[in-house]
Each structure stands twice: as C-alpha cells, then as structure tokens.
N, C-alpha and C. Protein backbone atom coordinates (compact mmCIF):
# COMPACT_ATOMS: atom_id res chain seq x y z
N UNK A 1 105.99 118.94 121.27
CA UNK A 1 106.35 119.44 119.95
C UNK A 1 107.42 118.54 119.36
N UNK A 2 107.26 118.19 118.12
CA UNK A 2 108.18 117.29 117.45
C UNK A 2 109.52 117.97 117.19
N UNK A 3 110.56 117.17 117.20
CA UNK A 3 111.89 117.68 116.89
C UNK A 3 111.96 118.02 115.40
N UNK A 4 112.87 118.91 115.02
CA UNK A 4 113.01 119.22 113.59
C UNK A 4 113.33 117.98 112.75
N UNK A 5 114.09 117.06 113.34
CA UNK A 5 114.44 115.82 112.62
C UNK A 5 113.20 114.98 112.37
N UNK A 6 112.36 114.82 113.40
CA UNK A 6 111.13 114.05 113.22
C UNK A 6 110.20 114.74 112.23
N UNK A 7 110.11 116.04 112.30
CA UNK A 7 109.24 116.77 111.36
C UNK A 7 109.68 116.52 109.92
N UNK A 8 110.97 116.51 109.69
CA UNK A 8 111.51 116.28 108.34
C UNK A 8 111.19 114.86 107.87
N UNK A 9 111.41 113.88 108.75
CA UNK A 9 111.11 112.49 108.40
C UNK A 9 109.61 112.31 108.18
N UNK A 10 108.80 112.88 109.06
CA UNK A 10 107.35 112.76 108.96
C UNK A 10 106.85 113.31 107.62
N UNK A 11 107.39 114.46 107.24
CA UNK A 11 106.99 115.07 105.97
C UNK A 11 107.32 114.15 104.80
N UNK A 12 108.49 113.52 104.84
CA UNK A 12 108.89 112.62 103.76
C UNK A 12 108.00 111.38 103.72
N UNK A 13 107.69 110.80 104.89
CA UNK A 13 106.84 109.61 104.92
C UNK A 13 105.44 109.93 104.41
N UNK A 14 104.92 111.07 104.82
CA UNK A 14 103.56 111.45 104.41
C UNK A 14 103.54 111.76 102.92
N UNK A 15 104.58 112.40 102.43
CA UNK A 15 104.65 112.73 101.00
C UNK A 15 104.63 111.47 100.14
N UNK A 16 105.16 110.37 100.68
CA UNK A 16 105.19 109.11 99.94
C UNK A 16 103.82 108.44 99.86
N UNK A 17 102.87 108.88 100.69
CA UNK A 17 101.51 108.34 100.63
C UNK A 17 100.77 108.93 99.44
N UNK A 18 99.99 108.12 98.75
CA UNK A 18 99.13 108.69 97.70
C UNK A 18 98.18 109.72 98.32
N UNK A 19 97.78 110.69 97.56
CA UNK A 19 96.91 111.76 98.05
C UNK A 19 95.63 111.22 98.67
N UNK A 20 95.06 110.19 98.08
CA UNK A 20 93.81 109.63 98.62
C UNK A 20 94.04 109.03 100.01
N UNK A 21 95.19 108.41 100.22
CA UNK A 21 95.50 107.81 101.53
C UNK A 21 95.76 108.91 102.56
N UNK A 22 96.42 109.99 102.14
CA UNK A 22 96.64 111.12 103.06
C UNK A 22 95.30 111.70 103.51
N UNK A 23 94.39 111.86 102.58
CA UNK A 23 93.08 112.40 102.90
C UNK A 23 92.32 111.49 103.85
N UNK A 24 92.35 110.19 103.59
CA UNK A 24 91.65 109.24 104.46
C UNK A 24 92.27 109.22 105.86
N UNK A 25 93.61 109.26 105.93
CA UNK A 25 94.27 109.25 107.23
C UNK A 25 93.97 110.52 108.00
N UNK A 26 93.98 111.66 107.34
CA UNK A 26 93.67 112.92 108.01
C UNK A 26 92.24 112.90 108.54
N UNK A 27 91.31 112.40 107.75
CA UNK A 27 89.93 112.30 108.18
C UNK A 27 89.82 111.37 109.39
N UNK A 28 90.52 110.25 109.36
CA UNK A 28 90.51 109.32 110.49
C UNK A 28 91.10 109.97 111.73
N UNK A 29 92.17 110.71 111.57
CA UNK A 29 92.79 111.40 112.71
C UNK A 29 91.81 112.39 113.34
N UNK A 30 91.04 113.07 112.51
CA UNK A 30 90.13 114.10 113.00
C UNK A 30 88.79 113.59 113.49
N UNK A 31 88.33 112.48 112.95
CA UNK A 31 86.98 112.03 113.27
C UNK A 31 86.89 110.59 113.76
N UNK A 32 87.98 109.84 113.64
CA UNK A 32 87.96 108.42 113.95
C UNK A 32 87.73 108.11 115.42
N UNK A 33 87.22 106.92 115.64
CA UNK A 33 87.00 106.41 117.00
C UNK A 33 88.12 105.43 117.33
N UNK A 34 88.29 105.15 118.59
CA UNK A 34 89.39 104.29 119.04
C UNK A 34 89.35 102.93 118.33
N UNK A 35 88.17 102.38 118.06
CA UNK A 35 88.05 101.09 117.39
C UNK A 35 88.67 101.10 116.00
N UNK A 36 88.63 102.26 115.35
CA UNK A 36 89.15 102.36 114.00
C UNK A 36 90.69 102.35 113.97
N UNK A 37 91.29 102.51 115.13
CA UNK A 37 92.75 102.49 115.21
C UNK A 37 93.28 101.15 115.69
N UNK A 38 92.41 100.15 115.83
CA UNK A 38 92.84 98.86 116.37
C UNK A 38 93.92 98.19 115.52
N UNK A 39 93.94 98.45 114.23
CA UNK A 39 94.95 97.85 113.34
C UNK A 39 96.22 98.68 113.22
N UNK A 40 96.26 99.83 113.90
CA UNK A 40 97.43 100.69 113.83
C UNK A 40 98.40 100.32 114.95
N UNK A 41 99.55 99.72 114.61
CA UNK A 41 100.51 99.32 115.64
C UNK A 41 100.94 100.51 116.49
N UNK A 42 100.94 100.30 117.79
CA UNK A 42 101.41 101.34 118.70
C UNK A 42 100.37 102.36 119.11
N UNK A 43 99.16 102.27 118.55
CA UNK A 43 98.12 103.24 118.89
C UNK A 43 97.04 102.52 119.70
N UNK A 44 97.23 102.57 121.00
CA UNK A 44 96.25 101.99 121.91
C UNK A 44 95.39 103.10 122.49
N UNK A 45 94.63 102.77 123.51
CA UNK A 45 93.73 103.76 124.12
C UNK A 45 94.43 105.03 124.62
N UNK A 46 95.62 104.89 125.22
CA UNK A 46 96.31 106.07 125.76
C UNK A 46 96.78 107.01 124.64
N UNK A 47 97.39 106.45 123.61
CA UNK A 47 97.84 107.30 122.50
C UNK A 47 96.65 107.86 121.74
N UNK A 48 95.58 107.07 121.63
CA UNK A 48 94.39 107.59 120.98
C UNK A 48 93.83 108.76 121.75
N UNK A 49 93.84 108.68 123.07
CA UNK A 49 93.34 109.79 123.90
C UNK A 49 94.15 111.05 123.64
N UNK A 50 95.46 110.92 123.50
CA UNK A 50 96.31 112.07 123.19
C UNK A 50 96.01 112.60 121.79
N UNK A 51 95.78 111.69 120.85
CA UNK A 51 95.43 112.10 119.49
C UNK A 51 94.13 112.89 119.51
N UNK A 52 93.15 112.38 120.23
CA UNK A 52 91.84 113.03 120.29
C UNK A 52 91.94 114.45 120.87
N UNK A 53 92.81 114.62 121.87
CA UNK A 53 93.01 115.94 122.47
C UNK A 53 93.62 116.93 121.47
N UNK A 54 94.37 116.42 120.50
CA UNK A 54 95.04 117.28 119.53
C UNK A 54 94.18 117.71 118.35
N UNK A 55 92.97 117.20 118.28
CA UNK A 55 92.09 117.54 117.17
C UNK A 55 91.66 118.99 117.22
N UNK A 56 91.40 119.61 116.12
CA UNK A 56 91.50 119.14 114.75
C UNK A 56 92.92 119.30 114.20
N UNK A 57 93.26 118.42 113.28
CA UNK A 57 94.56 118.47 112.62
C UNK A 57 94.40 119.09 111.24
N UNK A 58 95.38 119.88 110.85
CA UNK A 58 95.37 120.49 109.52
C UNK A 58 96.08 119.60 108.51
N UNK A 59 97.03 118.78 108.99
CA UNK A 59 97.75 117.88 108.11
C UNK A 59 98.15 116.63 108.88
N UNK A 60 98.47 115.59 108.15
CA UNK A 60 98.91 114.34 108.78
C UNK A 60 100.19 114.56 109.57
N UNK A 61 101.04 115.44 109.09
CA UNK A 61 102.30 115.71 109.76
C UNK A 61 102.09 116.23 111.19
N UNK A 62 100.95 116.83 111.47
CA UNK A 62 100.64 117.33 112.82
C UNK A 62 100.63 116.22 113.86
N UNK A 63 100.46 115.00 113.42
CA UNK A 63 100.45 113.86 114.33
C UNK A 63 101.78 113.76 115.08
N UNK A 64 102.85 114.21 114.48
CA UNK A 64 104.18 114.15 115.12
C UNK A 64 104.24 115.02 116.37
N UNK A 65 103.33 115.96 116.52
CA UNK A 65 103.32 116.85 117.69
C UNK A 65 102.54 116.28 118.88
N UNK A 66 101.93 115.12 118.71
CA UNK A 66 101.11 114.54 119.76
C UNK A 66 101.99 113.74 120.72
N UNK A 67 101.73 113.90 121.99
CA UNK A 67 102.48 113.18 123.02
C UNK A 67 102.39 111.68 122.77
N UNK A 68 103.54 111.03 122.76
CA UNK A 68 103.60 109.59 122.55
C UNK A 68 103.77 109.16 121.11
N UNK A 69 103.64 110.09 120.19
CA UNK A 69 103.79 109.75 118.78
C UNK A 69 105.21 110.13 118.33
N UNK A 70 106.13 109.27 118.65
CA UNK A 70 107.51 109.47 118.22
C UNK A 70 107.71 108.89 116.84
N UNK A 71 108.95 108.73 116.48
CA UNK A 71 109.30 108.25 115.14
C UNK A 71 108.69 106.89 114.83
N UNK A 72 108.82 105.94 115.75
CA UNK A 72 108.34 104.58 115.50
C UNK A 72 106.82 104.54 115.31
N UNK A 73 106.10 105.22 116.18
CA UNK A 73 104.64 105.22 116.08
C UNK A 73 104.17 105.95 114.83
N UNK A 74 104.79 107.09 114.55
CA UNK A 74 104.39 107.84 113.36
C UNK A 74 104.61 107.01 112.11
N UNK A 75 105.76 106.37 112.02
CA UNK A 75 106.08 105.54 110.85
C UNK A 75 105.10 104.38 110.75
N UNK A 76 104.76 103.76 111.88
CA UNK A 76 103.81 102.65 111.88
C UNK A 76 102.43 103.09 111.41
N UNK A 77 102.01 104.27 111.81
CA UNK A 77 100.70 104.81 111.39
C UNK A 77 100.72 105.04 109.88
N UNK A 78 101.77 105.63 109.37
CA UNK A 78 101.86 105.89 107.93
C UNK A 78 101.90 104.57 107.14
N UNK A 79 102.66 103.60 107.65
CA UNK A 79 102.72 102.31 106.98
C UNK A 79 101.36 101.63 106.96
N UNK A 80 100.63 101.74 108.06
CA UNK A 80 99.28 101.15 108.12
C UNK A 80 98.34 101.90 107.17
N UNK A 81 98.51 103.20 107.07
CA UNK A 81 97.66 104.00 106.17
C UNK A 81 97.83 103.56 104.71
N UNK A 82 99.01 103.06 104.37
CA UNK A 82 99.23 102.57 103.00
C UNK A 82 98.32 101.39 102.68
N UNK A 83 97.90 100.66 103.72
CA UNK A 83 97.05 99.49 103.55
C UNK A 83 95.56 99.80 103.59
N UNK A 84 95.22 101.05 103.93
CA UNK A 84 93.82 101.44 104.03
C UNK A 84 93.13 101.35 102.67
N UNK A 85 91.87 100.97 102.71
CA UNK A 85 91.08 100.88 101.46
C UNK A 85 90.39 102.17 101.19
C-alpha cells in the first residue's frame, strides 16, 4: 500500500496528464503486455508481473499500490505516458 505522501504526489502527477493520456495509460495498465512496457523506465518483467497481479485498476493512481512501484518508478511511468501517441 502506498504511503499518503506517495498517493498525494501520484495524484498530482496523474492530474497533470491530459485526459486522453490518462485513459491510454489506464488501458495499458489493465490490458497491456510486457512488450508494451519496454519503453517505460524501471518497468521490467518483475515489476510488470506485479502490475499484472494488481489488475484491474480503477485509476492510474492505483499503480502506486503495486509492489515495486515507488516514487521514482511511478514518476517515470507518468513521464513516459506523456510521450504516448
């Protein structure tokens, strides 16, 4: 479970994403395959396995509750999501 501090930061980072990027990231979190995360810094096979176990997610912020997804990884995922087409 994420700390209250991480939850607050995660909410702010996600809020800064355009709605379309939030939707795409949430869909990727819920349905994506490990190959689709290859460009996400810090998300290798082990973290992806933890992400997959946490499915389904109701919001992007739920990613903060996944084992191994601390502040650095969460921020890196959100930053990469900004680059998604």
